[in-house]
Amino acid sequence: MIAPAAGYRGAMRRGGGIVGVLLVIWLVIGVLAAFQRGYFKSADTNCAKASTTVVTIVAGPLNYLGVNPKLDCPKVPQPSK
């Protein structure tokens, strides 16, 4: 079996580092968008607000291109009384 060249392994590590940095930048931009929309202002949180905040953060820079993700939580059956 032929071992990969040392330069190849170093490039793979650098590529992974670049991807990691880009991912962090993406998520920071998403947090900024959620902050600007006021999702962190109130203490009361429900399922819909929490899920919308998370999706906004994950959407990252797409928020500034017009994406405005909003989620509703499914209706959960209530126990009989």
C-alpha atoms as a PDB file:
ATOM      1  CA  MET A   1       0.000   0.000   0.000  1.00  0.00           C
ATOM      2  CA  ILE A   2       1.270   3.474  -0.829  1.00  0.00           C
ATOM      3  CA  ALA A   3       1.243   5.984   2.024  1.00  0.00           C
ATOM      4  CA  PRO A   4      -0.167   9.440   1.238  1.00  0.00           C
ATOM      5  CA  ALA A   5       2.381  12.204   0.934  1.00  0.00           C
ATOM      6  CA  ALA A   6       2.951  14.375   3.994  1.00  0.00           C
ATOM      7  CA  GLY A   7       1.872  17.456   2.023  1.00  0.00           C
ATOM      8  CA  TYR A   8      -1.473  15.847   1.258  1.00  0.00           C
ATOM      9  CA  ARG A   9      -2.163  15.132   4.930  1.00  0.00           C
ATOM     10  CA  GLY A  10      -1.218  18.702   5.889  1.00  0.00           C
ATOM     11  CA  ALA A  11      -3.544  20.088   3.222  1.00  0.00           C
ATOM     12  CA  MET A  12      -6.386  17.926   4.521  1.00  0.00           C
ATOM     13  CA  ARG A  13      -5.864  19.265   8.037  1.00  0.00           C
ATOM     14  CA  ARG A  14      -5.804  22.850   6.800  1.00  0.00           C
ATOM     15  CA  GLY A  15      -8.941  22.220   4.736  1.00  0.00           C
ATOM     16  CA  GLY A  16     -10.736  20.927   7.804  1.00  0.00           C
ATOM     17  CA  GLY A  17      -9.629  23.991   9.753  1.00  0.00           C
ATOM     18  CA  ILE A  18     -10.923  26.300   7.043  1.00  0.00           C
ATOM     19  CA  VAL A  19     -14.276  24.512   7.037  1.00  0.00           C
ATOM     20  CA  GLY A  20     -14.458  24.842  10.821  1.00  0.00           C
ATOM     21  CA  VAL A  21     -13.711  28.557  10.703  1.00  0.00           C
ATOM     22  CA  LEU A  22     -16.319  29.092   7.964  1.00  0.00           C
ATOM     23  CA  LEU A  23     -18.887  27.157  10.021  1.00  0.00           C
ATOM     24  CA  VAL A  24     -18.238  29.324  13.087  1.00  0.00           C
ATOM     25  CA  ILE A  25     -18.510  32.514  10.991  1.00  0.00           C
ATOM     26  CA  TRP A  26     -21.778  31.199   9.457  1.00  0.00           C
ATOM     27  CA  LEU A  27     -23.284  30.548  12.901  1.00  0.00           C
ATOM     28  CA  VAL A  28     -22.102  33.904  14.308  1.00  0.00           C
ATOM     29  CA  ILE A  29     -23.868  35.672  11.434  1.00  0.00           C
ATOM     30  CA  GLY A  30     -26.994  33.628  12.257  1.00  0.00           C
ATOM     31  CA  VAL A  31     -26.823  34.644  15.921  1.00  0.00           C
ATOM     32  CA  LEU A  32     -26.467  38.280  14.823  1.00  0.00           C
ATOM     33  CA  ALA A  33     -29.577  37.947  12.638  1.00  0.00           C
ATOM     34  CA  ALA A  34     -31.559  36.380  15.509  1.00  0.00           C
ATOM     35  CA  PHE A  35     -30.397  39.158  17.841  1.00  0.00           C
ATOM     36  CA  GLN A  36     -31.417  41.853  15.357  1.00  0.00           C
ATOM     37  CA  ARG A  37     -34.872  40.289  15.057  1.00  0.00           C
ATOM     38  CA  GLY A  38     -35.293  40.451  18.844  1.00  0.00           C
ATOM     39  CA  TYR A  39     -35.463  36.708  19.481  1.00  0.00           C
ATOM     40  CA  PHE A  40     -33.335  37.004  22.644  1.00  0.00           C
ATOM     41  CA  LYS A  41     -35.240  39.882  24.295  1.00  0.00           C
ATOM     42  CA  SER A  42     -37.920  38.167  26.377  1.00  0.00           C
ATOM     43  CA  ALA A  43     -37.513  35.486  29.006  1.00  0.00           C
ATOM     44  CA  ASP A  44     -40.677  33.545  28.076  1.00  0.00           C
ATOM     45  CA  THR A  45     -39.856  30.908  25.538  1.00  0.00           C
ATOM     46  CA  ASN A  46     -42.161  28.457  23.883  1.00  0.00           C
ATOM     47  CA  CYS A  47     -41.556  25.732  21.356  1.00  0.00           C
ATOM     48  CA  ALA A  48     -42.280  27.917  18.323  1.00  0.00           C
ATOM     49  CA  LYS A  49     -40.034  30.766  19.458  1.00  0.00           C
ATOM     50  CA  ALA A  50     -37.150  28.449  20.352  1.00  0.00           C
ATOM     51  CA  SER A  51     -37.358  26.529  17.082  1.00  0.00           C
ATOM     52  CA  THR A  52     -37.595  29.733  15.024  1.00  0.00           C
ATOM     53  CA  THR A  53     -34.520  31.093  16.806  1.00  0.00           C
ATOM     54  CA  VAL A  54     -32.533  27.910  16.136  1.00  0.00           C
ATOM     55  CA  VAL A  55     -33.527  27.797  12.463  1.00  0.00           C
ATOM     56  CA  THR A  56     -32.630  31.485  12.076  1.00  0.00           C
ATOM     57  CA  ILE A  57     -29.175  30.810  13.538  1.00  0.00           C
ATOM     58  CA  VAL A  58     -28.633  27.777  11.297  1.00  0.00           C
ATOM     59  CA  ALA A  59     -29.758  29.736   8.215  1.00  0.00           C
ATOM     60  CA  GLY A  60     -26.878  32.136   8.923  1.00  0.00           C
ATOM     61  CA  PRO A  61     -26.133  34.588   6.094  1.00  0.00           C
ATOM     62  CA  LEU A  62     -29.211  33.449   4.166  1.00  0.00           C
ATOM     63  CA  ASN A  63     -31.204  35.634   6.573  1.00  0.00           C
ATOM     64  CA  TYR A  64     -29.707  38.689   4.896  1.00  0.00           C
ATOM     65  CA  LEU A  65     -30.713  37.383   1.473  1.00  0.00           C
ATOM     66  CA  GLY A  66     -34.406  37.438   2.380  1.00  0.00           C
ATOM     67  CA  VAL A  67     -34.839  34.070   4.103  1.00  0.00           C
ATOM     68  CA  ASN A  68     -37.071  34.477   7.158  1.00  0.00           C
ATOM     69  CA  PRO A  69     -37.539  31.003   8.638  1.00  0.00           C
ATOM     70  CA  LYS A  70     -40.398  30.506  11.078  1.00  0.00           C
ATOM     71  CA  LEU A  71     -41.573  27.232  12.586  1.00  0.00           C
ATOM     72  CA  ASP A  72     -44.687  26.229  14.459  1.00  0.00           C
ATOM     73  CA  CYS A  73     -44.741  23.357  16.868  1.00  0.00           C
ATOM     74  CA  PRO A  74     -47.135  20.501  16.206  1.00  0.00           C
ATOM     75  CA  LYS A  75     -50.253  20.212  18.316  1.00  0.00           C
ATOM     76  CA  VAL A  76     -49.584  17.703  21.050  1.00  0.00           C
ATOM     77  CA  PRO A  77     -52.569  15.714  22.317  1.00  0.00           C
ATOM     78  CA  GLN A  78     -53.529  16.632  25.860  1.00  0.00           C
ATOM     79  CA  PRO A  79     -54.316  13.974  28.453  1.00  0.00           C
ATOM     80  CA  SER A  80     -57.966  13.473  29.303  1.00  0.00           C
ATOM     81  CA  LYS A  81     -59.182  14.878  32.609  1.00  0.00           C
END
